[in-house]
Amino acid sequence: MLVQTVKFESILSEEQVMRIAEERADAYRAVPGLMQKYYVKLDTPNGYGGVLVWESREALDAFRETELFTTIPAVYGVKGAPSIEAVEVLDVLRR
């Protein structure tokens, strides 16, 4: 299992970001291997992001080849380069 964090600055308002997230929710629900996704507001001006939990590295890599992934910067009005990190989960305290 992997946890991926994505952080970015958007030119859009919070309301616009959340509207887009809601519009794309079903597409994310259909992504193979995506176990959970949290939408987050960062402690920076216009900072947003996501915390995604993946079944495997292969599922994450396959997602990176999809249109849903490649359209993220344009759809969310990402300013500059997003910060993306994925780490392997060694153990889970609660299930």
Protein backbone atom coordinates (compact mmCIF):
# COMPACT_ATOMS: atom_id res chain seq x y z
CA MET A 1 0.00 0.00 0.00
CA LEU A 2 1.17 3.53 -0.81
CA VAL A 3 0.16 6.96 0.43
CA GLN A 4 0.59 9.78 -2.07
CA THR A 5 0.48 13.46 -1.21
CA VAL A 6 -0.12 16.16 -3.79
CA LYS A 7 0.17 19.85 -2.92
CA PHE A 8 -0.39 22.78 -5.24
CA GLU A 9 -1.27 26.44 -5.47
CA SER A 10 -4.36 27.23 -7.54
CA ILE A 11 -5.51 30.35 -9.30
CA LEU A 12 -9.09 29.27 -8.52
CA SER A 13 -11.22 29.99 -5.47
CA GLU A 14 -11.95 27.32 -2.88
CA GLU A 15 -15.52 27.10 -4.14
CA GLN A 16 -14.30 26.48 -7.70
CA VAL A 17 -11.78 23.86 -6.57
CA MET A 18 -14.44 21.98 -4.59
CA ARG A 19 -16.95 22.16 -7.45
CA ILE A 20 -14.40 20.59 -9.78
CA ALA A 21 -13.57 17.94 -7.17
CA GLU A 22 -17.25 17.04 -6.89
CA GLU A 23 -17.62 16.90 -10.69
CA ARG A 24 -14.66 14.49 -10.96
CA ALA A 25 -15.51 12.35 -7.91
CA ASP A 26 -17.13 9.50 -9.87
CA ALA A 27 -14.13 9.30 -12.18
CA TYR A 28 -11.84 8.92 -9.14
CA ARG A 29 -14.16 6.31 -7.61
CA ALA A 30 -13.67 4.25 -10.79
CA VAL A 31 -9.84 4.34 -10.71
CA PRO A 32 -8.54 0.78 -10.21
CA GLY A 33 -6.41 0.44 -7.09
CA LEU A 34 -7.36 3.80 -5.55
CA MET A 35 -8.54 2.94 -2.05
CA GLN A 36 -9.19 6.42 -0.67
CA LYS A 37 -8.76 10.07 -1.57
CA TYR A 38 -8.86 13.04 0.80
CA TYR A 39 -9.16 16.59 -0.50
CA VAL A 40 -7.21 19.02 1.67
CA LYS A 41 -6.82 22.76 2.14
CA LEU A 42 -3.22 23.69 2.90
CA ASP A 43 -2.08 26.33 5.36
CA THR A 44 -0.83 28.53 2.50
CA PRO A 45 -2.67 31.07 0.32
CA ASN A 46 -4.65 29.24 -2.39
CA GLY A 47 -3.00 25.97 -1.32
CA TYR A 48 -4.86 22.72 -1.93
CA GLY A 49 -4.00 19.11 -2.33
CA GLY A 50 -4.90 15.51 -2.00
CA VAL A 51 -3.90 12.50 0.03
CA LEU A 52 -4.44 9.33 -1.94
CA VAL A 53 -4.14 5.76 -0.70
CA TRP A 54 -3.19 3.21 -3.35
CA GLU A 55 -3.26 -0.59 -3.27
CA SER A 56 0.08 -0.77 -5.08
CA ARG A 57 2.77 1.13 -6.96
CA GLU A 58 1.46 -0.45 -10.17
CA ALA A 59 -1.99 1.08 -9.58
CA LEU A 60 -0.43 4.52 -9.02
CA ASP A 61 1.77 4.17 -12.11
CA ALA A 62 -1.23 3.13 -14.23
CA PHE A 63 -3.19 6.15 -12.98
CA ARG A 64 -0.36 8.44 -14.07
CA GLU A 65 -1.04 7.33 -17.66
CA THR A 66 -4.71 8.36 -17.62
CA GLU A 67 -6.41 11.48 -18.92
CA LEU A 68 -7.82 12.07 -15.44
CA PHE A 69 -4.26 12.47 -14.14
CA THR A 70 -2.85 14.48 -17.05
CA THR A 71 -5.67 17.05 -16.89
CA ILE A 72 -5.20 17.85 -13.18
CA PRO A 73 -3.00 20.97 -13.64
CA ALA A 74 -5.27 22.60 -16.22
CA VAL A 75 -8.57 21.69 -14.56
CA TYR A 76 -7.52 22.87 -11.09
CA GLY A 77 -5.68 25.98 -12.31
CA VAL A 78 -2.40 24.81 -10.82
CA LYS A 79 0.15 27.61 -10.56
CA GLY A 80 3.73 26.37 -10.90
CA ALA A 81 4.78 22.81 -10.29
CA PRO A 82 2.86 20.71 -7.76
CA SER A 83 4.66 18.87 -4.98
CA ILE A 84 4.06 15.12 -5.30
CA GLU A 85 5.36 12.40 -3.01
CA ALA A 86 4.48 8.72 -2.61
CA VAL A 87 5.59 6.58 0.32
CA GLU A 88 5.12 2.93 1.14
CA VAL A 89 2.98 2.09 4.15
CA LEU A 90 4.82 -0.23 6.52
CA ASP A 91 2.03 -0.80 9.04
CA VAL A 92 -1.48 0.43 9.87
CA LEU A 93 -2.42 1.27 13.45
CA ARG A 94 -6.19 1.25 12.86
CA ARG A 95 -8.28 -0.30 10.15
